[in-house]
Amino acid sequence: MLHSLRFLHAWPTLNLTGVIDILVVAIVVYQCLMVVRGTRAGHILVGILVVVALYGIAVVAGLETLRSLLSYIVPFLGLAIIVLFASEIRRTLARIGRKRWFGLAGGFRAPEAVSEIQMAMELLAQRQIGALIVLERDIGLRTFIESGVRLDALVSRDLLLSIFQPGPPLHDGAVIIQNSRVAAAACFLPLTTQPSLARKLGTRHRAAIGITEETDCLALVVSEETGRISVAAFGELSTGLTPAELVERIHRHFEVARPAAAQPEEFPADIPLATDHHGTDAVQPGRSLEP
């Protein structure tokens, strides 16, 4: 009886600091679970937890053979988590890093280039020419820029239309824009690994979602099959946008107030553009949840 009382006396007292500590740990665990939810990493995490649970049962139940076998596996679980969850860890750290601490922020700040992008996207959509344009924000895209062809040219409607014309080598891949300059074309982007999207979307849309899962950029897509304009941000895809909605999404993402005098330049509808295109990409029907 006295031993039980001493045990209860040794139990830590729950104070305000303890409550805050528990809440912070709960939030961290919840965020970790949200990172791996719906991905292949979720199944891997379940498998790791099963191995740890078996090891605990073996220790408590005195199953020496099983405990000895698992004792060679459990010490390597930490390294296995780092290797298997590399992309999820990188994505989580990127989300933390893209927070604007102390008001520090960079990224796309060129309202004068938005009208050029809008006009190019509208013409590409009318002619059903596939396109993928990525606008850099705070997280640098140097790794992906180096995978393509460096251009370092001012953003213009004619340049974007020339790049995405079917046939030339720069047609395939993504165009990455830094501030008011086209940094590179024909860039390779990571594809999203979400199983539910792999069956519904084509390569361009999966690449747009994939790059926005790892960085805070904005990805603009034109479907070759339907001519629909889509926008991806923070791992979410919105489809079927109008040119006006596209501009609104760009300014909202980069927190730039659209100047009243910046109206799209009129251009003739019969500009000769090639209409034949190669490859296919599916589009998610309807519009998804706004990020």
C-alpha atoms as a PDB file:
ATOM      1  CA  MET A   1       0.000   0.000   0.000  1.00  0.00           C
ATOM      2  CA  LEU A   2       2.780   2.396   0.931  1.00  0.00           C
ATOM      3  CA  HIS A   3       4.595   1.448  -2.291  1.00  0.00           C
ATOM      4  CA  SER A   4       1.515   2.390  -4.343  1.00  0.00           C
ATOM      5  CA  LEU A   5       1.242   5.722  -2.537  1.00  0.00           C
ATOM      6  CA  ARG A   6       4.897   6.490  -3.227  1.00  0.00           C
ATOM      7  CA  PHE A   7       4.305   5.651  -6.927  1.00  0.00           C
ATOM      8  CA  LEU A   8       1.353   8.053  -7.082  1.00  0.00           C
ATOM      9  CA  HIS A   9       3.388  10.729  -5.342  1.00  0.00           C
ATOM     10  CA  ALA A  10       6.117  10.357  -7.954  1.00  0.00           C
ATOM     11  CA  TRP A  11       3.637  10.872 -10.808  1.00  0.00           C
ATOM     12  CA  PRO A  12       4.270  14.322 -12.377  1.00  0.00           C
ATOM     13  CA  THR A  13       1.772  17.049 -11.630  1.00  0.00           C
ATOM     14  CA  LEU A  14      -0.195  18.359 -14.616  1.00  0.00           C
ATOM     15  CA  ASN A  15       0.385  22.099 -14.832  1.00  0.00           C
ATOM     16  CA  LEU A  16       0.140  24.719 -17.561  1.00  0.00           C
ATOM     17  CA  THR A  17       3.553  23.809 -18.959  1.00  0.00           C
ATOM     18  CA  GLY A  18       2.558  20.137 -19.164  1.00  0.00           C
ATOM     19  CA  VAL A  19      -0.680  20.984 -20.970  1.00  0.00           C
ATOM     20  CA  ILE A  20       1.187  23.108 -23.520  1.00  0.00           C
ATOM     21  CA  ASP A  21       3.740  20.345 -23.978  1.00  0.00           C
ATOM     22  CA  ILE A  22       1.036  17.738 -24.628  1.00  0.00           C
ATOM     23  CA  LEU A  23      -0.798  20.008 -27.093  1.00  0.00           C
ATOM     24  CA  VAL A  24       2.394  20.750 -29.048  1.00  0.00           C
ATOM     25  CA  VAL A  25       3.272  17.055 -29.275  1.00  0.00           C
ATOM     26  CA  ALA A  26      -0.286  16.247 -30.403  1.00  0.00           C
ATOM     27  CA  ILE A  27      -0.093  18.917 -33.119  1.00  0.00           C
ATOM     28  CA  VAL A  28       3.279  17.618 -34.328  1.00  0.00           C
ATOM     29  CA  VAL A  29       2.022  14.021 -34.467  1.00  0.00           C
ATOM     30  CA  TYR A  30      -1.137  15.131 -36.277  1.00  0.00           C
ATOM     31  CA  GLN A  31       0.840  17.107 -38.860  1.00  0.00           C
ATOM     32  CA  CYS A  32       3.142  14.124 -39.445  1.00  0.00           C
ATOM     33  CA  LEU A  33       0.132  11.898 -40.046  1.00  0.00           C
ATOM     34  CA  MET A  34      -1.368  14.472 -42.438  1.00  0.00           C
ATOM     35  CA  VAL A  35       1.880  14.525 -44.444  1.00  0.00           C
ATOM     36  CA  VAL A  36       1.764  10.772 -45.144  1.00  0.00           C
ATOM     37  CA  ARG A  37      -2.020  10.442 -45.416  1.00  0.00           C
ATOM     38  CA  GLY A  38      -3.129   9.079 -48.777  1.00  0.00           C
ATOM     39  CA  THR A  39       0.423   8.321 -49.942  1.00  0.00           C
ATOM     40  CA  ARG A  40       2.546   5.201 -50.184  1.00  0.00           C
ATOM     41  CA  ALA A  41       4.440   6.432 -47.148  1.00  0.00           C
ATOM     42  CA  GLY A  42       1.316   5.840 -45.061  1.00  0.00           C
ATOM     43  CA  HIS A  43       1.464   2.095 -45.667  1.00  0.00           C
ATOM     44  CA  ILE A  44       5.195   2.077 -44.937  1.00  0.00           C
ATOM     45  CA  LEU A  45       4.551   3.848 -41.633  1.00  0.00           C
ATOM     46  CA  VAL A  46       1.942   1.252 -40.685  1.00  0.00           C
ATOM     47  CA  GLY A  47       4.441  -1.522 -41.421  1.00  0.00           C
ATOM     48  CA  ILE A  48       7.091   0.142 -39.235  1.00  0.00           C
ATOM     49  CA  LEU A  49       4.608   0.533 -36.375  1.00  0.00           C
ATOM     50  CA  VAL A  50       3.670  -3.157 -36.678  1.00  0.00           C
ATOM     51  CA  VAL A  51       7.338  -4.174 -36.370  1.00  0.00           C
ATOM     52  CA  VAL A  52       7.781  -1.975 -33.294  1.00  0.00           C
ATOM     53  CA  ALA A  53       4.590  -3.359 -31.736  1.00  0.00           C
ATOM     54  CA  LEU A  54       5.764  -6.944 -32.322  1.00  0.00           C
ATOM     55  CA  TYR A  55       9.082  -6.141 -30.676  1.00  0.00           C
ATOM     56  CA  GLY A  56       7.297  -4.730 -27.635  1.00  0.00           C
ATOM     57  CA  ILE A  57       5.035  -7.783 -27.387  1.00  0.00           C
ATOM     58  CA  ALA A  58       8.052 -10.083 -27.655  1.00  0.00           C
ATOM     59  CA  VAL A  59       9.808  -8.269 -24.800  1.00  0.00           C
ATOM     60  CA  VAL A  60       6.750  -8.293 -22.521  1.00  0.00           C
ATOM     61  CA  ALA A  61       5.739 -11.892 -23.303  1.00  0.00           C
ATOM     62  CA  GLY A  62       9.289 -13.235 -23.044  1.00  0.00           C
ATOM     63  CA  LEU A  63       9.429 -14.495 -26.633  1.00  0.00           C
ATOM     64  CA  GLU A  64      13.216 -14.577 -26.805  1.00  0.00           C
ATOM     65  CA  THR A  65      13.517 -15.981 -30.325  1.00  0.00           C
ATOM     66  CA  LEU A  66      11.233 -13.332 -31.808  1.00  0.00           C
ATOM     67  CA  ARG A  67      12.857 -10.607 -29.709  1.00  0.00           C
ATOM     68  CA  SER A  68      16.326 -11.653 -30.870  1.00  0.00           C
ATOM     69  CA  LEU A  69      15.217 -11.630 -34.502  1.00  0.00           C
ATOM     70  CA  LEU A  70      13.582  -8.204 -34.280  1.00  0.00           C
ATOM     71  CA  SER A  71      16.504  -6.790 -32.292  1.00  0.00           C
ATOM     72  CA  TYR A  72      18.545  -6.874 -35.504  1.00  0.00           C
ATOM     73  CA  ILE A  73      15.838  -4.935 -37.374  1.00  0.00           C
ATOM     74  CA  VAL A  74      14.620  -2.310 -34.922  1.00  0.00           C
ATOM     75  CA  PRO A  75      17.965  -0.397 -34.630  1.00  0.00           C
ATOM     76  CA  PHE A  76      17.878   0.273 -38.398  1.00  0.00           C
ATOM     77  CA  LEU A  77      14.326   1.667 -38.410  1.00  0.00           C
ATOM     78  CA  GLY A  78      15.599   5.215 -37.878  1.00  0.00           C
ATOM     79  CA  LEU A  79      17.752   5.032 -41.011  1.00  0.00           C
ATOM     80  CA  ALA A  80      14.927   3.333 -42.915  1.00  0.00           C
ATOM     81  CA  ILE A  81      12.528   6.163 -42.003  1.00  0.00           C
ATOM     82  CA  ILE A  82      14.959   8.787 -43.320  1.00  0.00           C
ATOM     83  CA  VAL A  83      15.469   6.924 -46.606  1.00  0.00           C
ATOM     84  CA  LEU A  84      11.853   5.894 -47.204  1.00  0.00           C
ATOM     85  CA  PHE A  85      10.331   9.207 -46.120  1.00  0.00           C
ATOM     86  CA  ALA A  86      12.906  11.451 -47.816  1.00  0.00           C
ATOM     87  CA  SER A  87      10.386  13.150 -50.100  1.00  0.00           C
ATOM     88  CA  GLU A  88       7.844  13.659 -47.292  1.00  0.00           C
ATOM     89  CA  ILE A  89      10.521  15.085 -44.977  1.00  0.00           C
ATOM     90  CA  ARG A  90      11.721  17.413 -47.731  1.00  0.00           C
ATOM     91  CA  ARG A  91       8.164  18.530 -48.416  1.00  0.00           C
ATOM     92  CA  THR A  92       7.462  19.202 -44.733  1.00  0.00           C
ATOM     93  CA  LEU A  93      10.655  21.202 -44.262  1.00  0.00           C
ATOM     94  CA  ALA A  94       9.813  23.183 -47.400  1.00  0.00           C
ATOM     95  CA  ARG A  95       6.394  24.032 -45.961  1.00  0.00           C
ATOM     96  CA  ILE A  96       8.050  25.279 -42.787  1.00  0.00           C
ATOM     97  CA  GLY A  97      10.634  27.232 -44.755  1.00  0.00           C
ATOM     98  CA  ARG A  98       8.102  28.972 -46.987  1.00  0.00           C
ATOM     99  CA  LYS A  99       6.471  30.659 -44.002  1.00  0.00           C
ATOM    100  CA  ARG A 100       7.179  34.372 -44.127  1.00  0.00           C
ATOM    101  CA  TRP A 101       9.134  34.801 -40.925  1.00  0.00           C
ATOM    102  CA  PHE A 102       9.618  38.426 -39.849  1.00  0.00           C
ATOM    103  CA  GLY A 103       8.032  39.641 -43.085  1.00  0.00           C
ATOM    104  CA  LEU A 104      10.817  38.277 -45.272  1.00  0.00           C
ATOM    105  CA  ALA A 105       9.529  37.236 -48.696  1.00  0.00           C
ATOM    106  CA  GLY A 106      10.629  37.188 -52.291  1.00  0.00           C
ATOM    107  CA  GLY A 107       9.320  35.485 -55.378  1.00  0.00           C
ATOM    108  CA  PHE A 108       7.253  36.566 -58.350  1.00  0.00           C
ATOM    109  CA  ARG A 109       6.653  40.313 -58.188  1.00  0.00           C
ATOM    110  CA  ALA A 110       6.044  41.456 -61.756  1.00  0.00           C
ATOM    111  CA  PRO A 111       2.457  42.637 -62.449  1.00  0.00           C
ATOM    112  CA  GLU A 112       3.538  43.841 -65.884  1.00  0.00           C
ATOM    113  CA  ALA A 113       4.322  40.235 -66.896  1.00  0.00           C
ATOM    114  CA  VAL A 114       0.947  38.836 -65.812  1.00  0.00           C
ATOM    115  CA  SER A 115      -0.879  40.241 -68.837  1.00  0.00           C
ATOM    116  CA  GLU A 116       1.679  38.612 -71.155  1.00  0.00           C
ATOM    117  CA  ILE A 117       1.188  35.272 -69.408  1.00  0.00           C
ATOM    118  CA  GLN A 118      -2.601  35.688 -69.542  1.00  0.00           C
ATOM    119  CA  MET A 119      -2.647  36.400 -73.267  1.00  0.00           C
ATOM    120  CA  ALA A 120      -0.332  33.470 -73.996  1.00  0.00           C
ATOM    121  CA  MET A 121      -2.417  31.080 -71.911  1.00  0.00           C
ATOM    122  CA  GLU A 122      -5.638  32.262 -73.560  1.00  0.00           C
ATOM    123  CA  LEU A 123      -4.279  31.728 -77.076  1.00  0.00           C
ATOM    124  CA  LEU A 124      -2.814  28.339 -76.152  1.00  0.00           C
ATOM    125  CA  ALA A 125      -6.171  27.304 -74.695  1.00  0.00           C
ATOM    126  CA  GLN A 126      -8.044  28.457 -77.819  1.00  0.00           C
ATOM    127  CA  ARG A 127      -5.750  26.382 -80.047  1.00  0.00           C
ATOM    128  CA  GLN A 128      -5.583  23.465 -77.577  1.00  0.00           C
ATOM    129  CA  ILE A 129      -1.800  23.563 -77.401  1.00  0.00           C
ATOM    130  CA  GLY A 130      -0.485  21.915 -74.257  1.00  0.00           C
ATOM    131  CA  ALA A 131       1.577  24.093 -71.928  1.00  0.00           C
ATOM    132  CA  LEU A 132       3.022  24.067 -68.417  1.00  0.00           C
ATOM    133  CA  ILE A 133       4.292  27.307 -66.877  1.00  0.00           C
ATOM    134  CA  VAL A 134       5.721  27.497 -63.349  1.00  0.00           C
ATOM    135  CA  LEU A 135       5.966  30.818 -61.489  1.00  0.00           C
ATOM    136  CA  GLU A 136       8.624  30.817 -58.773  1.00  0.00           C
ATOM    137  CA  ARG A 137       7.752  32.304 -55.403  1.00  0.00           C
ATOM    138  CA  ASP A 138       9.886  32.165 -52.227  1.00  0.00           C
ATOM    139  CA  ILE A 139      11.392  28.681 -52.581  1.00  0.00           C
ATOM    140  CA  GLY A 140      14.016  28.608 -55.323  1.00  0.00           C
ATOM    141  CA  LEU A 141      13.613  26.300 -58.318  1.00  0.00           C
ATOM    142  CA  ARG A 142      17.279  26.209 -59.325  1.00  0.00           C
ATOM    143  CA  THR A 143      17.401  22.396 -59.285  1.00  0.00           C
ATOM    144  CA  PHE A 144      14.590  22.194 -61.825  1.00  0.00           C
ATOM    145  CA  ILE A 145      15.913  25.097 -63.895  1.00  0.00           C
ATOM    146  CA  GLU A 146      19.209  23.261 -64.363  1.00  0.00           C
ATOM    147  CA  SER A 147      17.326  20.260 -65.762  1.00  0.00           C
ATOM    148  CA  GLY A 148      16.091  22.307 -68.735  1.00  0.00           C
ATOM    149  CA  VAL A 149      17.428  24.762 -71.306  1.00  0.00           C
ATOM    150  CA  ARG A 150      18.517  28.105 -69.848  1.00  0.00           C
ATOM    151  CA  LEU A 151      16.965  31.134 -71.582  1.00  0.00           C
ATOM    152  CA  ASP A 152      17.051  34.128 -69.200  1.00  0.00           C
ATOM    153  CA  ALA A 153      14.701  36.169 -71.395  1.00  0.00           C
ATOM    154  CA  LEU A 154      11.976  38.687 -70.669  1.00  0.00           C
ATOM    155  CA  VAL A 155       8.482  37.232 -70.386  1.00  0.00           C
ATOM    156  CA  SER A 156       6.416  37.904 -73.488  1.00  0.00           C
ATOM    157  CA  ARG A 157       3.393  36.399 -75.171  1.00  0.00           C
ATOM    158  CA  ASP A 158       5.288  35.687 -78.388  1.00  0.00           C
ATOM    159  CA  LEU A 159       8.116  33.923 -76.556  1.00  0.00           C
ATOM    160  CA  LEU A 160       5.754  31.639 -74.644  1.00  0.00           C
ATOM    161  CA  LEU A 161       3.792  30.840 -77.802  1.00  0.00           C
ATOM    162  CA  SER A 162       7.000  30.011 -79.657  1.00  0.00           C
ATOM    163  CA  ILE A 163       8.216  27.711 -76.894  1.00  0.00           C
ATOM    164  CA  PHE A 164       5.029  25.641 -76.741  1.00  0.00           C
ATOM    165  CA  GLN A 165       4.466  25.323 -80.486  1.00  0.00           C
ATOM    166  CA  PRO A 166       4.296  21.575 -81.265  1.00  0.00           C
ATOM    167  CA  GLY A 167       7.430  20.268 -82.908  1.00  0.00           C
ATOM    168  CA  PRO A 168      10.416  22.226 -81.527  1.00  0.00           C
ATOM    169  CA  PRO A 169      12.493  20.576 -78.780  1.00  0.00           C
ATOM    170  CA  LEU A 170      11.380  23.078 -76.129  1.00  0.00           C
ATOM    171  CA  HIS A 171       7.719  22.100 -76.508  1.00  0.00           C
ATOM    172  CA  ASP A 172       7.998  19.226 -74.037  1.00  0.00           C
ATOM    173  CA  GLY A 173       8.612  20.071 -70.419  1.00  0.00           C
ATOM    174  CA  ALA A 174       7.868  23.105 -68.284  1.00  0.00           C
ATOM    175  CA  VAL A 175       8.756  26.780 -68.534  1.00  0.00           C
ATOM    176  CA  ILE A 176       9.980  28.281 -65.273  1.00  0.00           C
ATOM    177  CA  ILE A 177       9.576  32.022 -64.720  1.00  0.00           C
ATOM    178  CA  GLN A 178      11.579  33.935 -62.121  1.00  0.00           C
ATOM    179  CA  ASN A 179      10.243  37.441 -61.493  1.00  0.00           C
ATOM    180  CA  SER A 180       9.775  38.916 -64.980  1.00  0.00           C
ATOM    181  CA  ARG A 181      12.163  36.595 -66.831  1.00  0.00           C
ATOM    182  CA  VAL A 182      11.834  33.159 -68.404  1.00  0.00           C
ATOM    183  CA  ALA A 183      14.622  31.314 -66.616  1.00  0.00           C
ATOM    184  CA  ALA A 184      14.444  28.031 -68.548  1.00  0.00           C
ATOM    185  CA  ALA A 185      12.288  25.854 -70.780  1.00  0.00           C
ATOM    186  CA  ALA A 186      11.896  22.091 -71.278  1.00  0.00           C
ATOM    187  CA  CYS A 187      12.389  21.550 -67.540  1.00  0.00           C
ATOM    188  CA  PHE A 188      11.668  18.232 -65.845  1.00  0.00           C
ATOM    189  CA  LEU A 189       9.358  18.355 -62.819  1.00  0.00           C
ATOM    190  CA  PRO A 190       8.531  15.703 -60.198  1.00  0.00           C
ATOM    191  CA  LEU A 191       5.203  13.928 -60.643  1.00  0.00           C
ATOM    192  CA  THR A 192       2.761  13.634 -57.798  1.00  0.00           C
ATOM    193  CA  THR A 193       2.589  10.144 -56.307  1.00  0.00           C
ATOM    194  CA  GLN A 194      -0.985  10.382 -55.080  1.00  0.00           C
ATOM    195  CA  PRO A 195      -2.624   7.125 -56.255  1.00  0.00           C
ATOM    196  CA  SER A 196      -6.036   8.712 -56.777  1.00  0.00           C
ATOM    197  CA  LEU A 197      -4.617  11.286 -59.210  1.00  0.00           C
ATOM    198  CA  ALA A 198      -2.429   8.920 -61.223  1.00  0.00           C
ATOM    199  CA  ARG A 199      -5.494   7.363 -62.864  1.00  0.00           C
ATOM    200  CA  LYS A 200      -7.308  10.630 -63.607  1.00  0.00           C
ATOM    201  CA  LEU A 201      -4.685  13.114 -64.729  1.00  0.00           C
ATOM    202  CA  GLY A 202      -2.098  13.282 -67.464  1.00  0.00           C
ATOM    203  CA  THR A 203       1.607  13.954 -67.113  1.00  0.00           C
ATOM    204  CA  ARG A 204       1.380  17.763 -67.291  1.00  0.00           C
ATOM    205  CA  HIS A 205      -1.223  18.025 -64.558  1.00  0.00           C
ATOM    206  CA  ARG A 206       0.566  15.494 -62.347  1.00  0.00           C
ATOM    207  CA  ALA A 207       3.808  17.437 -62.801  1.00  0.00           C
ATOM    208  CA  ALA A 208       2.032  20.679 -61.896  1.00  0.00           C
ATOM    209  CA  ILE A 209       0.713  19.135 -58.687  1.00  0.00           C
ATOM    210  CA  GLY A 210       4.056  17.465 -57.942  1.00  0.00           C
ATOM    211  CA  ILE A 211       6.109  20.672 -58.108  1.00  0.00           C
ATOM    212  CA  THR A 212       3.599  22.544 -55.936  1.00  0.00           C
ATOM    213  CA  GLU A 213       3.705  19.765 -53.347  1.00  0.00           C
ATOM    214  CA  GLU A 214       7.424  20.378 -52.826  1.00  0.00           C
ATOM    215  CA  THR A 215       7.582  24.155 -53.291  1.00  0.00           C
ATOM    216  CA  ASP A 216       5.362  27.221 -52.951  1.00  0.00           C
ATOM    217  CA  CYS A 217       5.318  28.004 -56.679  1.00  0.00           C
ATOM    218  CA  LEU A 218       2.229  28.389 -58.863  1.00  0.00           C
ATOM    219  CA  ALA A 219       1.834  26.063 -61.869  1.00  0.00           C
ATOM    220  CA  LEU A 220      -0.309  26.985 -64.887  1.00  0.00           C
ATOM    221  CA  VAL A 221      -1.467  24.223 -67.247  1.00  0.00           C
ATOM    222  CA  VAL A 222      -3.228  24.124 -70.602  1.00  0.00           C
ATOM    223  CA  SER A 223      -4.666  20.755 -71.624  1.00  0.00           C
ATOM    224  CA  GLU A 224      -3.964  19.523 -75.139  1.00  0.00           C
ATOM    225  CA  GLU A 225      -7.183  17.504 -75.261  1.00  0.00           C
ATOM    226  CA  THR A 226      -9.727  20.058 -74.052  1.00  0.00           C
ATOM    227  CA  GLY A 227      -7.924  23.407 -73.964  1.00  0.00           C
ATOM    228  CA  ARG A 228      -8.908  23.894 -70.336  1.00  0.00           C
ATOM    229  CA  ILE A 229      -6.782  26.146 -68.168  1.00  0.00           C
ATOM    230  CA  SER A 230      -5.799  24.729 -64.789  1.00  0.00           C
ATOM    231  CA  VAL A 231      -3.862  26.124 -61.849  1.00  0.00           C
ATOM    232  CA  ALA A 232      -2.008  24.095 -59.208  1.00  0.00           C
ATOM    233  CA  ALA A 233      -0.912  25.465 -55.838  1.00  0.00           C
ATOM    234  CA  PHE A 234       0.119  23.737 -52.615  1.00  0.00           C
ATOM    235  CA  GLY A 235      -0.668  20.314 -54.054  1.00  0.00           C
ATOM    236  CA  GLU A 236      -4.229  21.210 -55.131  1.00  0.00           C
ATOM    237  CA  LEU A 237      -5.474  21.545 -58.713  1.00  0.00           C
ATOM    238  CA  SER A 238      -8.238  23.850 -59.941  1.00  0.00           C
ATOM    239  CA  THR A 239      -9.483  23.245 -63.496  1.00  0.00           C
ATOM    240  CA  GLY A 240     -11.671  25.013 -66.017  1.00  0.00           C
ATOM    241  CA  LEU A 241     -10.537  28.546 -65.160  1.00  0.00           C
ATOM    242  CA  THR A 242     -11.243  31.548 -67.352  1.00  0.00           C
ATOM    243  CA  PRO A 243      -8.408  33.982 -68.264  1.00  0.00           C
ATOM    244  CA  ALA A 244      -9.800  36.490 -65.752  1.00  0.00           C
ATOM    245  CA  GLU A 245      -9.851  33.851 -63.011  1.00  0.00           C
ATOM    246  CA  LEU A 246      -6.304  32.886 -63.959  1.00  0.00           C
ATOM    247  CA  VAL A 247      -5.074  36.441 -63.381  1.00  0.00           C
ATOM    248  CA  GLU A 248      -6.963  36.593 -60.106  1.00  0.00           C
ATOM    249  CA  ARG A 249      -5.332  33.385 -58.925  1.00  0.00           C
ATOM    250  CA  ILE A 250      -1.857  34.672 -59.822  1.00  0.00           C
ATOM    251  CA  HIS A 251      -2.323  37.933 -57.937  1.00  0.00           C
ATOM    252  CA  ARG A 252      -3.913  36.189 -54.974  1.00  0.00           C
ATOM    253  CA  HIS A 253      -1.109  33.605 -54.746  1.00  0.00           C
ATOM    254  CA  PHE A 254       1.620  36.242 -54.843  1.00  0.00           C
ATOM    255  CA  GLU A 255      -0.388  38.819 -52.889  1.00  0.00           C
ATOM    256  CA  VAL A 256      -0.066  41.461 -55.572  1.00  0.00           C
ATOM    257  CA  ALA A 257      -2.793  44.036 -56.096  1.00  0.00           C
ATOM    258  CA  ARG A 258      -3.748  44.157 -59.758  1.00  0.00           C
ATOM    259  CA  PRO A 259      -3.181  47.638 -61.176  1.00  0.00           C
ATOM    260  CA  ALA A 260      -6.328  49.251 -62.553  1.00  0.00           C
ATOM    261  CA  ALA A 261      -4.643  50.392 -65.749  1.00  0.00           C
ATOM    262  CA  ALA A 262      -3.205  46.996 -66.591  1.00  0.00           C
ATOM    263  CA  GLN A 263      -5.732  45.735 -69.102  1.00  0.00           C
ATOM    264  CA  PRO A 264      -4.993  42.824 -71.462  1.00  0.00           C
ATOM    265  CA  GLU A 265      -3.875  43.923 -74.888  1.00  0.00           C
ATOM    266  CA  GLU A 266      -6.319  43.199 -77.678  1.00  0.00           C
ATOM    267  CA  PHE A 267      -5.101  40.677 -80.203  1.00  0.00           C
ATOM    268  CA  PRO A 268      -6.718  39.188 -83.282  1.00  0.00           C
ATOM    269  CA  ALA A 269      -8.312  35.784 -82.939  1.00  0.00           C
ATOM    270  CA  ASP A 270      -6.965  34.583 -86.279  1.00  0.00           C
ATOM    271  CA  ILE A 271      -3.274  34.629 -85.406  1.00  0.00           C
ATOM    272  CA  PRO A 272      -1.838  31.677 -87.326  1.00  0.00           C
ATOM    273  CA  LEU A 273      -0.818  28.992 -84.912  1.00  0.00           C
ATOM    274  CA  ALA A 274      -0.157  25.321 -85.510  1.00  0.00           C
ATOM    275  CA  THR A 275      -3.118  23.250 -84.399  1.00  0.00           C
ATOM    276  CA  ASP A 276      -1.616  19.783 -84.619  1.00  0.00           C
ATOM    277  CA  HIS A 277      -0.285  18.449 -81.353  1.00  0.00           C
ATOM    278  CA  HIS A 278       1.146  15.252 -79.997  1.00  0.00           C
ATOM    279  CA  GLY A 279       0.670  13.378 -76.760  1.00  0.00           C
ATOM    280  CA  THR A 280      -2.360  13.365 -74.495  1.00  0.00           C
ATOM    281  CA  ASP A 281      -3.169  14.591 -71.040  1.00  0.00           C
ATOM    282  CA  ALA A 282      -6.408  14.064 -69.184  1.00  0.00           C
ATOM    283  CA  VAL A 283      -8.108  16.738 -67.130  1.00  0.00           C
ATOM    284  CA  GLN A 284      -9.977  16.267 -63.914  1.00  0.00           C
ATOM    285  CA  PRO A 285     -13.638  17.004 -64.616  1.00  0.00           C
ATOM    286  CA  GLY A 286     -15.113  19.994 -62.866  1.00  0.00           C
ATOM    287  CA  ARG A 287     -13.167  22.153 -60.464  1.00  0.00           C
ATOM    288  CA  SER A 288     -11.392  20.826 -57.420  1.00  0.00           C
ATOM    289  CA  LEU A 289     -11.244  22.404 -53.986  1.00  0.00           C
ATOM    290  CA  GLU A 290      -9.509  25.759 -54.027  1.00  0.00           C
ATOM    291  CA  PRO A 291      -6.206  25.631 -52.125  1.00  0.00           C
END
